[in-house]
């Protein structure tokens, strides 16, 4: 039996009838990774929404009464 080798490009070359066993991660690890991913996306969306909401509540683009009148053109 010949062991597999890695070619210069970095790809695994399997020889003969050798096939590796599939990677199986425990259920707790897969659930933990999924929860971490969901938490990341939730925090990203909520912080973006909060930031946008804070910006929209503190700016007023329609009220121009506070802008002084333009100087007359010369």
PDB file of N, CA and C in Angstrom:
ATOM      1  N   UNK A   1       0.840  -1.187   0.000  1.00  0.00           N
ATOM      2  CA  UNK A   1       0.000   0.000   0.000  1.00  0.00           C
ATOM      3  C   UNK A   1       0.878   1.240   0.000  1.00  0.00           C
ATOM      4  N   UNK A   2       0.622   2.111  -0.950  1.00  0.00           N
ATOM      5  CA  UNK A   2       1.362   3.368  -1.032  1.00  0.00           C
ATOM      6  C   UNK A   2       0.594   4.455  -0.300  1.00  0.00           C
ATOM      7  N   UNK A   3       1.272   5.226   0.534  1.00  0.00           N
ATOM      8  CA  UNK A   3       0.568   6.323   1.213  1.00  0.00           C
ATOM      9  C   UNK A   3       0.292   7.469   0.234  1.00  0.00           C
ATOM     10  N   UNK A   4      -0.714   8.267   0.489  1.00  0.00           N
ATOM     11  CA  UNK A   4      -0.976   9.405  -0.398  1.00  0.00           C
ATOM     12  C   UNK A   4       0.137  10.438  -0.268  1.00  0.00           C
ATOM     13  N   UNK A   5       0.252  11.269  -1.284  1.00  0.00           N
ATOM     14  CA  UNK A   5       1.275  12.321  -1.228  1.00  0.00           C
ATOM     15  C   UNK A   5       0.649  13.644  -1.655  1.00  0.00           C
ATOM     16  N   UNK A   6       1.300  14.710  -1.278  1.00  0.00           N
ATOM     17  CA  UNK A   6       0.852  16.049  -1.643  1.00  0.00           C
ATOM     18  C   UNK A   6       1.753  16.538  -2.763  1.00  0.00           C
ATOM     19  N   UNK A   7       1.147  16.934  -3.880  1.00  0.00           N
ATOM     20  CA  UNK A   7       1.938  17.388  -5.023  1.00  0.00           C
ATOM     21  C   UNK A   7       2.435  18.819  -4.779  1.00  0.00           C
ATOM     22  N   UNK A   8       3.312  19.336  -5.636  1.00  0.00           N
ATOM     23  CA  UNK A   8       3.860  20.684  -5.428  1.00  0.00           C
ATOM     24  C   UNK A   8       2.813  21.791  -5.401  1.00  0.00           C
ATOM     25  N   UNK A   9       1.651  21.547  -6.000  1.00  0.00           N
ATOM     26  CA  UNK A   9       0.594  22.557  -5.989  1.00  0.00           C
ATOM     27  C   UNK A   9      -0.134  22.581  -4.645  1.00  0.00           C
ATOM     28  N   UNK A  10      -0.049  21.461  -3.911  1.00  0.00           N
ATOM     29  CA  UNK A  10      -0.696  21.391  -2.615  1.00  0.00           C
ATOM     30  C   UNK A  10      -1.930  20.511  -2.603  1.00  0.00           C
ATOM     31  N   UNK A  11      -2.153  19.774  -3.696  1.00  0.00           N
ATOM     32  CA  UNK A  11      -3.308  18.886  -3.778  1.00  0.00           C
ATOM     33  C   UNK A  11      -2.918  17.480  -3.332  1.00  0.00           C
ATOM     34  N   UNK A  12      -3.820  16.820  -2.618  1.00  0.00           N
ATOM     35  CA  UNK A  12      -3.579  15.464  -2.162  1.00  0.00           C
ATOM     36  C   UNK A  12      -3.801  14.493  -3.310  1.00  0.00           C
ATOM     37  N   UNK A  13      -2.815  13.691  -3.587  1.00  0.00           N
ATOM     38  CA  UNK A  13      -2.922  12.665  -4.623  1.00  0.00           C
ATOM     39  C   UNK A  13      -3.078  11.319  -3.945  1.00  0.00           C
ATOM     40  N   UNK A  14      -4.249  10.713  -4.144  1.00  0.00           N
ATOM     41  CA  UNK A  14      -4.505   9.404  -3.550  1.00  0.00           C
ATOM     42  C   UNK A  14      -3.998   8.336  -4.504  1.00  0.00           C
ATOM     43  N   UNK A  15      -3.375   7.327  -3.957  1.00  0.00           N
ATOM     44  CA  UNK A  15      -2.856   6.245  -4.787  1.00  0.00           C
ATOM     45  C   UNK A  15      -3.596   4.962  -4.454  1.00  0.00           C
ATOM     46  N   UNK A  16      -3.798   4.153  -5.449  1.00  0.00           N
ATOM     47  CA  UNK A  16      -4.400   2.849  -5.240  1.00  0.00           C
ATOM     48  C   UNK A  16      -5.837   2.935  -4.761  1.00  0.00           C
ATOM     49  N   UNK A  17      -6.161   2.033  -3.847  1.00  0.00           N
ATOM     50  CA  UNK A  17      -7.535   1.967  -3.360  1.00  0.00           C
ATOM     51  C   UNK A  17      -7.702   2.663  -2.017  1.00  0.00           C
ATOM     52  N   UNK A  18      -6.745   3.459  -1.629  1.00  0.00           N
ATOM     53  CA  UNK A  18      -6.811   4.133  -0.324  1.00  0.00           C
ATOM     54  C   UNK A  18      -7.816   5.280  -0.380  1.00  0.00           C
ATOM     55  N   UNK A  19      -8.765   5.264   0.522  1.00  0.00           N
ATOM     56  CA  UNK A  19      -9.730   6.356   0.656  1.00  0.00           C
ATOM     57  C   UNK A  19      -9.819   6.719   2.121  1.00  0.00           C
ATOM     58  N   UNK A  20      -9.705   7.997   2.426  1.00  0.00           N
ATOM     59  CA  UNK A  20      -9.763   8.404   3.825  1.00  0.00           C
ATOM     60  C   UNK A  20     -11.199   8.317   4.345  1.00  0.00           C
ATOM     61  N   UNK A  21     -11.313   8.164   5.633  1.00  0.00           N
ATOM     62  CA  UNK A  21     -12.647   8.159   6.230  1.00  0.00           C
ATOM     63  C   UNK A  21     -13.178   9.595   6.253  1.00  0.00           C
ATOM     64  N   UNK A  22     -14.481   9.766   6.055  1.00  0.00           N
ATOM     65  CA  UNK A  22     -15.040  11.131   6.050  1.00  0.00           C
ATOM     66  C   UNK A  22     -14.924  11.772   7.428  1.00  0.00           C
ATOM     67  N   UNK A  23     -14.774  13.069   7.420  1.00  0.00           N
ATOM     68  CA  UNK A  23     -14.683  13.786   8.699  1.00  0.00           C
ATOM     69  C   UNK A  23     -16.059  13.890   9.311  1.00  0.00           C
ATOM     70  N   UNK A  24     -16.180  13.478  10.534  1.00  0.00           N
ATOM     71  CA  UNK A  24     -17.440  13.567  11.265  1.00  0.00           C
ATOM     72  C   UNK A  24     -17.173  14.355  12.537  1.00  0.00           C
ATOM     73  N   UNK A  25     -17.837  15.496  12.653  1.00  0.00           N
ATOM     74  CA  UNK A  25     -17.690  16.300  13.850  1.00  0.00           C
ATOM     75  C   UNK A  25     -18.847  15.998  14.786  1.00  0.00           C
ATOM     76  N   UNK A  26     -18.613  16.057  16.086  1.00  0.00           N
ATOM     77  CA  UNK A  26     -19.695  15.761  17.022  1.00  0.00           C
ATOM     78  C   UNK A  26     -20.835  16.772  16.901  1.00  0.00           C
ATOM     79  N   UNK A  27     -22.026  16.327  17.288  1.00  0.00           N
ATOM     80  CA  UNK A  27     -23.221  17.160  17.178  1.00  0.00           C
ATOM     81  C   UNK A  27     -23.063  18.452  17.969  1.00  0.00           C
ATOM     82  N   UNK A  28     -22.496  18.388  19.172  1.00  0.00           N
ATOM     83  CA  UNK A  28     -22.361  19.587  19.998  1.00  0.00           C
ATOM     84  C   UNK A  28     -21.469  20.620  19.329  1.00  0.00           C
ATOM     85  N   UNK A  29     -20.460  20.164  18.591  1.00  0.00           N
ATOM     86  CA  UNK A  29     -19.560  21.098  17.913  1.00  0.00           C
ATOM     87  C   UNK A  29     -20.262  21.758  16.726  1.00  0.00           C
ATOM     88  N   UNK A  30     -21.052  20.972  15.974  1.00  0.00           N
ATOM     89  CA  UNK A  30     -21.785  21.534  14.840  1.00  0.00           C
ATOM     90  C   UNK A  30     -22.857  22.512  15.310  1.00  0.00           C
ATOM     91  N   UNK A  31     -23.561  22.178  16.385  1.00  0.00           N
ATOM     92  CA  UNK A  31     -24.581  23.076  16.932  1.00  0.00           C
ATOM     93  C   UNK A  31     -23.924  24.341  17.466  1.00  0.00           C
ATOM     94  N   UNK A  32     -22.805  24.208  18.135  1.00  0.00           N
ATOM     95  CA  UNK A  32     -22.083  25.378  18.649  1.00  0.00           C
ATOM     96  C   UNK A  32     -21.616  26.302  17.537  1.00  0.00           C
ATOM     97  N   UNK A  33     -21.113  25.730  16.449  1.00  0.00           N
ATOM     98  CA  UNK A  33     -20.667  26.540  15.308  1.00  0.00           C
ATOM     99  C   UNK A  33     -21.848  27.246  14.656  1.00  0.00           C
ATOM    100  N   UNK A  34     -22.983  26.545  14.533  1.00  0.00           N
ATOM    101  CA  UNK A  34     -24.174  27.164  13.946  1.00  0.00           C
ATOM    102  C   UNK A  34     -24.687  28.294  14.834  1.00  0.00           C
ATOM    103  N   UNK A  35     -24.697  28.089  16.140  1.00  0.00           N
ATOM    104  CA  UNK A  35     -25.138  29.149  17.057  1.00  0.00           C
ATOM    105  C   UNK A  35     -24.209  30.361  16.990  1.00  0.00           C
ATOM    106  N   UNK A  36     -22.924  30.110  16.896  1.00  0.00           N
ATOM    107  CA  UNK A  36     -21.968  31.215  16.789  1.00  0.00           C
ATOM    108  C   UNK A  36     -22.183  31.999  15.500  1.00  0.00           C
ATOM    109  N   UNK A  37     -22.461  31.299  14.412  1.00  0.00           N
ATOM    110  CA  UNK A  37     -22.724  31.955  13.136  1.00  0.00           C
ATOM    111  C   UNK A  37     -24.011  32.776  13.193  1.00  0.00           C
ATOM    112  N   UNK A  38     -25.056  32.217  13.774  1.00  0.00           N
ATOM    113  CA  UNK A  38     -26.323  32.941  13.921  1.00  0.00           C
ATOM    114  C   UNK A  38     -26.139  34.156  14.824  1.00  0.00           C
ATOM    115  N   UNK A  39     -25.398  33.996  15.910  1.00  0.00           N
ATOM    116  CA  UNK A  39     -25.143  35.126  16.811  1.00  0.00           C
ATOM    117  C   UNK A  39     -24.372  36.236  16.095  1.00  0.00           C
ATOM    118  N   UNK A  40     -23.390  35.865  15.280  1.00  0.00           N
ATOM    119  CA  UNK A  40     -22.617  36.857  14.536  1.00  0.00           C
ATOM    120  C   UNK A  40     -23.518  37.657  13.600  1.00  0.00           C
ATOM    121  N   UNK A  41     -24.364  36.957  12.825  1.00  0.00           N
ATOM    122  CA  UNK A  41     -25.249  37.652  11.899  1.00  0.00           C
ATOM    123  C   UNK A  41     -26.281  38.500  12.633  1.00  0.00           C
ATOM    124  N   UNK A  42     -26.788  38.012  13.758  1.00  0.00           N
ATOM    125  CA  UNK A  42     -27.775  38.775  14.518  1.00  0.00           C
ATOM    126  C   UNK A  42     -27.156  40.062  15.055  1.00  0.00           C
ATOM    127  N   UNK A  43     -25.971  39.977  15.616  1.00  0.00           N
ATOM    128  CA  UNK A  43     -25.301  41.168  16.148  1.00  0.00           C
ATOM    129  C   UNK A  43     -24.976  42.136  15.020  1.00  0.00           C
ATOM    130  N   UNK A  44     -24.541  41.620  13.872  1.00  0.00           N
ATOM    131  CA  UNK A  44     -24.243  42.485  12.731  1.00  0.00           C
ATOM    132  C   UNK A  44     -25.483  43.240  12.269  1.00  0.00           C
ATOM    133  N   UNK A  45     -26.604  42.530  12.116  1.00  0.00           N
ATOM    134  CA  UNK A  45     -27.835  43.175  11.655  1.00  0.00           C
ATOM    135  C   UNK A  45     -28.392  44.143  12.698  1.00  0.00           C
ATOM    136  N   UNK A  46     -28.398  43.726  13.959  1.00  0.00           N
ATOM    137  CA  UNK A  46     -28.969  44.591  14.997  1.00  0.00           C
ATOM    138  C   UNK A  46     -28.129  45.846  15.228  1.00  0.00           C
ATOM    139  N   UNK A  47     -26.808  45.712  15.211  1.00  0.00           N
ATOM    140  CA  UNK A  47     -25.978  46.894  15.412  1.00  0.00           C
ATOM    141  C   UNK A  47     -26.089  47.839  14.214  1.00  0.00           C
ATOM    142  N   UNK A  48     -26.214  47.282  13.015  1.00  0.00           N
ATOM    143  CA  UNK A  48     -26.409  48.130  11.834  1.00  0.00           C
ATOM    144  C   UNK A  48     -27.741  48.850  11.876  1.00  0.00           C
ATOM    145  N   UNK A  49     -28.791  48.146  12.282  1.00  0.00           N
ATOM    146  CA  UNK A  49     -30.110  48.775  12.383  1.00  0.00           C
ATOM    147  C   UNK A  49     -30.123  49.846  13.467  1.00  0.00           C
ATOM    148  N   UNK A  50     -29.482  49.567  14.590  1.00  0.00           N
ATOM    149  CA  UNK A  50     -29.432  50.554  15.672  1.00  0.00           C
ATOM    150  C   UNK A  50     -28.646  51.789  15.249  1.00  0.00           C
ATOM    151  N   UNK A  51     -27.554  51.584  14.556  1.00  0.00           N
ATOM    152  CA  UNK A  51     -26.744  52.706  14.097  1.00  0.00           C
ATOM    153  C   UNK A  51     -27.513  53.550  13.078  1.00  0.00           C
ATOM    154  N   UNK A  52     -28.180  52.887  12.137  1.00  0.00           N
ATOM    155  CA  UNK A  52     -28.959  53.608  11.140  1.00  0.00           C
ATOM    156  C   UNK A  52     -30.132  54.335  11.792  1.00  0.00           C
ATOM    157  N   UNK A  53     -30.784  53.678  12.736  1.00  0.00           N
ATOM    158  CA  UNK A  53     -31.886  54.318  13.448  1.00  0.00           C
ATOM    159  C   UNK A  53     -31.427  55.534  14.236  1.00  0.00           C
ATOM    160  N   UNK A  54     -30.286  55.422  14.884  1.00  0.00           N
ATOM    161  CA  UNK A  54     -29.745  56.539  15.646  1.00  0.00           C
ATOM    162  C   UNK A  54     -29.410  57.697  14.707  1.00  0.00           C
ATOM    163  N   UNK A  55     -28.867  57.396  13.536  1.00  0.00           N
ATOM    164  CA  UNK A  55     -28.535  58.436  12.564  1.00  0.00           C
ATOM    165  C   UNK A  55     -29.808  59.120  12.071  1.00  0.00           C
ATOM    166  N   UNK A  56     -30.814  58.337  11.747  1.00  0.00           N
ATOM    167  CA  UNK A  56     -32.051  58.904  11.215  1.00  0.00           C
ATOM    168  C   UNK A  56     -32.793  59.739  12.251  1.00  0.00           C
ATOM    169  N   UNK A  57     -32.672  59.363  13.518  1.00  0.00           N
ATOM    170  CA  UNK A  57     -33.368  60.103  14.565  1.00  0.00           C
ATOM    171  C   UNK A  57     -32.643  61.390  14.948  1.00  0.00           C
ATOM    172  N   UNK A  58     -31.376  61.505  14.609  1.00  0.00           N
ATOM    173  CA  UNK A  58     -30.627  62.698  15.006  1.00  0.00           C
ATOM    174  C   UNK A  58     -30.377  63.650  13.844  1.00  0.00           C
ATOM    175  N   UNK A  59     -30.816  63.340  12.652  1.00  0.00           N
ATOM    176  CA  UNK A  59     -30.637  64.237  11.519  1.00  0.00           C
ATOM    177  C   UNK A  59     -31.998  64.592  10.951  1.00  0.00           C
ATOM    178  N   UNK A  60     -32.098  65.777  10.431  1.00  0.00           N
ATOM    179  CA  UNK A  60     -33.360  66.210   9.840  1.00  0.00           C
ATOM    180  C   UNK A  60     -33.040  66.877   8.517  1.00  0.00           C
ATOM    181  N   UNK A  61     -33.267  66.177   7.442  1.00  0.00           N
ATOM    182  CA  UNK A  61     -32.923  66.698   6.128  1.00  0.00           C
ATOM    183  C   UNK A  61     -34.019  67.548   5.511  1.00  0.00           C
ATOM    184  N   UNK A  62     -35.210  67.597   6.122  1.00  0.00           N
ATOM    185  CA  UNK A  62     -36.313  68.329   5.506  1.00  0.00           C
ATOM    186  C   UNK A  62     -36.545  69.703   6.114  1.00  0.00           C
ATOM    187  N   UNK A  63     -36.089  69.946   7.324  1.00  0.00           N
ATOM    188  CA  UNK A  63     -36.331  71.227   7.987  1.00  0.00           C
ATOM    189  C   UNK A  63     -35.182  72.174   7.664  1.00  0.00           C
ATOM    190  N   UNK A  64     -35.418  73.143   6.797  1.00  0.00           N
ATOM    191  CA  UNK A  64     -34.359  74.078   6.391  1.00  0.00           C
ATOM    192  C   UNK A  64     -34.492  75.429   7.072  1.00  0.00           C
ATOM    193  N   UNK A  65     -35.364  75.528   8.065  1.00  0.00           N
ATOM    194  CA  UNK A  65     -35.545  76.821   8.741  1.00  0.00           C
ATOM    195  C   UNK A  65     -34.309  77.244   9.505  1.00  0.00           C
ATOM    196  N   UNK A  66     -33.505  76.291   9.950  1.00  0.00           N
ATOM    197  CA  UNK A  66     -32.326  76.641  10.729  1.00  0.00           C
ATOM    198  C   UNK A  66     -31.177  77.124   9.853  1.00  0.00           C
ATOM    199  N   UNK A  67     -31.265  76.951   8.532  1.00  0.00           N
ATOM    200  CA  UNK A  67     -30.200  77.387   7.630  1.00  0.00           C
ATOM    201  C   UNK A  67     -30.389  78.878   7.358  1.00  0.00           C
ATOM    202  N   UNK A  68     -29.333  79.661   7.586  1.00  0.00           N
ATOM    203  CA  UNK A  68     -29.464  81.098   7.331  1.00  0.00           C
ATOM    204  C   UNK A  68     -29.725  81.384   5.849  1.00  0.00           C
ATOM    205  N   UNK A  69     -30.361  82.457   5.586  1.00  0.00           N
ATOM    206  CA  UNK A  69     -30.672  82.852   4.197  1.00  0.00           C
ATOM    207  C   UNK A  69     -29.375  83.069   3.436  1.00  0.00           C
ATOM    208  N   UNK A  70     -29.404  82.715   2.160  1.00  0.00           N
ATOM    209  CA  UNK A  70     -28.224  82.888   1.330  1.00  0.00           C
ATOM    210  C   UNK A  70     -27.941  84.356   1.104  1.00  0.00           C
ATOM    211  N   UNK A  71     -26.670  84.672   0.995  1.00  0.00           N
ATOM    212  CA  UNK A  71     -26.276  86.053   0.733  1.00  0.00           C
ATOM    213  C   UNK A  71     -26.710  86.410  -0.700  1.00  0.00           C
ATOM    214  N   UNK A  72     -27.075  87.650  -0.942  1.00  0.00           N
ATOM    215  CA  UNK A  72     -27.485  88.038  -2.300  1.00  0.00           C
ATOM    216  C   UNK A  72     -26.336  87.855  -3.284  1.00  0.00           C
ATOM    217  N   UNK A  73     -26.654  87.474  -4.479  1.00  0.00           N
ATOM    218  CA  UNK A  73     -25.633  87.260  -5.509  1.00  0.00           C
ATOM    219  C   UNK A  73     -25.080  88.598  -5.963  1.00  0.00           C
ATOM    220  N   UNK A  74     -23.836  88.639  -6.279  1.00  0.00           N
ATOM    221  CA  UNK A  74     -23.208  89.893  -6.707  1.00  0.00           C
ATOM    222  C   UNK A  74     -23.060  89.962  -8.169  1.00  0.00           C
TER     223      UNK A  74
END
